[in-house]
Amino acid sequence: MSDTQEKIIEIIASFSPVDREKITLETNLTDIEIESLEFVELVFQLEEEFDVSIPYNANEVGKFKNVEDIVFQVSSIIEEQNGFKE
């Protein structure tokens, strides 16, 4: 697992009542019990941590099904902004 993936999972875990050890890339977002307002705060935290802007519309929360979807989105934005792949 890359440093970016690990850091994203750590941030997600900080918003979830679920133990960090139970959160993997395959974990469904419904299983980590993050409320919609917390999800918005999570997006802000990811933006701050990685100095990126994540296109997010509260009406499109459904496009993020699992942790891997979030990791992919953030990693793609980082790669695009930095012009390279991790």
C-alpha atoms as a PDB file:
ATOM      1  CA  MET A   1       0.000   0.000   0.000  1.00  0.00           C
ATOM      2  CA  SER A   2       1.366   3.423  -0.919  1.00  0.00           C
ATOM      3  CA  ASP A   3       1.959   6.206   1.582  1.00  0.00           C
ATOM      4  CA  THR A   4      -0.885   8.159  -0.013  1.00  0.00           C
ATOM      5  CA  GLN A   5      -3.294   5.254   0.342  1.00  0.00           C
ATOM      6  CA  GLU A   6      -2.290   4.714   3.954  1.00  0.00           C
ATOM      7  CA  LYS A   7      -2.666   8.398   4.814  1.00  0.00           C
ATOM      8  CA  ILE A   8      -6.109   8.549   3.165  1.00  0.00           C
ATOM      9  CA  ILE A   9      -7.254   5.504   5.126  1.00  0.00           C
ATOM     10  CA  GLU A  10      -5.925   7.060   8.340  1.00  0.00           C
ATOM     11  CA  ILE A  11      -7.924  10.237   7.655  1.00  0.00           C
ATOM     12  CA  ILE A  12     -11.049   8.224   6.856  1.00  0.00           C
ATOM     13  CA  ALA A  13     -10.563   6.256  10.078  1.00  0.00           C
ATOM     14  CA  SER A  14     -10.356   9.479  12.073  1.00  0.00           C
ATOM     15  CA  PHE A  15     -13.963  10.238  11.037  1.00  0.00           C
ATOM     16  CA  SER A  16     -15.256   6.719  11.625  1.00  0.00           C
ATOM     17  CA  PRO A  17     -16.238   4.906  14.814  1.00  0.00           C
ATOM     18  CA  VAL A  18     -14.993   1.682  13.150  1.00  0.00           C
ATOM     19  CA  ASP A  19     -11.544   0.412  14.190  1.00  0.00           C
ATOM     20  CA  ARG A  20      -8.793   1.422  11.762  1.00  0.00           C
ATOM     21  CA  GLU A  21      -7.747  -2.211  11.339  1.00  0.00           C
ATOM     22  CA  LYS A  22     -11.158  -2.993   9.835  1.00  0.00           C
ATOM     23  CA  ILE A  23     -10.898  -0.303   7.157  1.00  0.00           C
ATOM     24  CA  THR A  24      -9.382  -1.501   3.882  1.00  0.00           C
ATOM     25  CA  LEU A  25      -9.601  -0.373   0.272  1.00  0.00           C
ATOM     26  CA  GLU A  26     -12.529  -2.735  -0.225  1.00  0.00           C
ATOM     27  CA  THR A  27     -14.526  -1.436   2.753  1.00  0.00           C
ATOM     28  CA  ASN A  28     -17.895  -0.006   1.718  1.00  0.00           C
ATOM     29  CA  LEU A  29     -18.488   3.518   2.922  1.00  0.00           C
ATOM     30  CA  THR A  30     -21.783   2.471   4.488  1.00  0.00           C
ATOM     31  CA  ASP A  31     -19.824   0.058   6.696  1.00  0.00           C
ATOM     32  CA  ILE A  32     -17.614   2.782   8.181  1.00  0.00           C
ATOM     33  CA  GLU A  33     -20.615   4.718   9.512  1.00  0.00           C
ATOM     34  CA  ILE A  34     -19.686   8.209   8.359  1.00  0.00           C
ATOM     35  CA  GLU A  35     -22.649  10.577   8.260  1.00  0.00           C
ATOM     36  CA  SER A  36     -23.114  12.942   5.322  1.00  0.00           C
ATOM     37  CA  LEU A  37     -21.895  16.023   7.216  1.00  0.00           C
ATOM     38  CA  GLU A  38     -18.857  14.095   8.404  1.00  0.00           C
ATOM     39  CA  PHE A  39     -18.222  13.040   4.802  1.00  0.00           C
ATOM     40  CA  VAL A  40     -18.098  16.699   3.764  1.00  0.00           C
ATOM     41  CA  GLU A  41     -15.634  17.357   6.595  1.00  0.00           C
ATOM     42  CA  LEU A  42     -13.640  14.335   5.448  1.00  0.00           C
ATOM     43  CA  VAL A  43     -13.390  15.784   1.935  1.00  0.00           C
ATOM     44  CA  PHE A  44     -12.173  19.098   3.398  1.00  0.00           C
ATOM     45  CA  GLN A  45      -9.569  17.278   5.485  1.00  0.00           C
ATOM     46  CA  LEU A  46      -8.301  15.364   2.453  1.00  0.00           C
ATOM     47  CA  GLU A  47      -8.080  18.589   0.461  1.00  0.00           C
ATOM     48  CA  GLU A  48      -6.104  20.238   3.231  1.00  0.00           C
ATOM     49  CA  GLU A  49      -3.793  17.291   3.823  1.00  0.00           C
ATOM     50  CA  PHE A  50      -2.897  16.813   0.154  1.00  0.00           C
ATOM     51  CA  ASP A  51      -3.256  20.444  -0.969  1.00  0.00           C
ATOM     52  CA  VAL A  52      -5.764  19.506  -3.671  1.00  0.00           C
ATOM     53  CA  SER A  53      -9.270  20.490  -4.680  1.00  0.00           C
ATOM     54  CA  ILE A  54     -11.653  17.555  -4.833  1.00  0.00           C
ATOM     55  CA  PRO A  55     -14.671  18.139  -7.059  1.00  0.00           C
ATOM     56  CA  TYR A  56     -17.489  17.231  -4.728  1.00  0.00           C
ATOM     57  CA  ASN A  57     -21.219  17.657  -4.937  1.00  0.00           C
ATOM     58  CA  ALA A  58     -23.222  16.555  -1.917  1.00  0.00           C
ATOM     59  CA  ASN A  59     -25.841  15.212  -4.308  1.00  0.00           C
ATOM     60  CA  GLU A  60     -23.253  12.834  -5.809  1.00  0.00           C
ATOM     61  CA  VAL A  61     -22.107  11.049  -2.654  1.00  0.00           C
ATOM     62  CA  GLY A  62     -23.205   7.811  -4.311  1.00  0.00           C
ATOM     63  CA  LYS A  63     -20.265   7.917  -6.713  1.00  0.00           C
ATOM     64  CA  PHE A  64     -18.059   6.956  -3.771  1.00  0.00           C
ATOM     65  CA  LYS A  65     -18.990   3.362  -2.951  1.00  0.00           C
ATOM     66  CA  ASN A  66     -15.922   2.238  -1.046  1.00  0.00           C
ATOM     67  CA  VAL A  67     -12.627   3.465   0.361  1.00  0.00           C
ATOM     68  CA  GLU A  68     -10.862   2.619  -2.880  1.00  0.00           C
ATOM     69  CA  ASP A  69     -13.088   5.095  -4.761  1.00  0.00           C
ATOM     70  CA  ILE A  70     -11.895   7.886  -2.466  1.00  0.00           C
ATOM     71  CA  VAL A  71      -8.261   6.779  -2.748  1.00  0.00           C
ATOM     72  CA  PHE A  72      -8.534   6.646  -6.538  1.00  0.00           C
ATOM     73  CA  GLN A  73     -10.118  10.115  -6.743  1.00  0.00           C
ATOM     74  CA  VAL A  74      -7.550  11.766  -4.476  1.00  0.00           C
ATOM     75  CA  SER A  75      -4.601   9.936  -6.056  1.00  0.00           C
ATOM     76  CA  SER A  76      -5.764  10.916  -9.541  1.00  0.00           C
ATOM     77  CA  ILE A  77      -5.991  14.572  -8.551  1.00  0.00           C
ATOM     78  CA  ILE A  78      -2.542  14.477  -6.937  1.00  0.00           C
ATOM     79  CA  GLU A  79      -1.061  12.860 -10.054  1.00  0.00           C
ATOM     80  CA  GLU A  80      -2.763  15.378 -12.312  1.00  0.00           C
ATOM     81  CA  GLN A  81      -1.551  18.345 -10.270  1.00  0.00           C
ATOM     82  CA  ASN A  82       1.968  16.995  -9.912  1.00  0.00           C
ATOM     83  CA  GLY A  83       2.239  15.578 -13.414  1.00  0.00           C
ATOM     84  CA  PHE A  84       3.320  12.115 -12.305  1.00  0.00           C
ATOM     85  CA  LYS A  85       2.121   8.825 -10.901  1.00  0.00           C
ATOM     86  CA  GLU A  86       2.953   7.665  -7.418  1.00  0.00           C
END
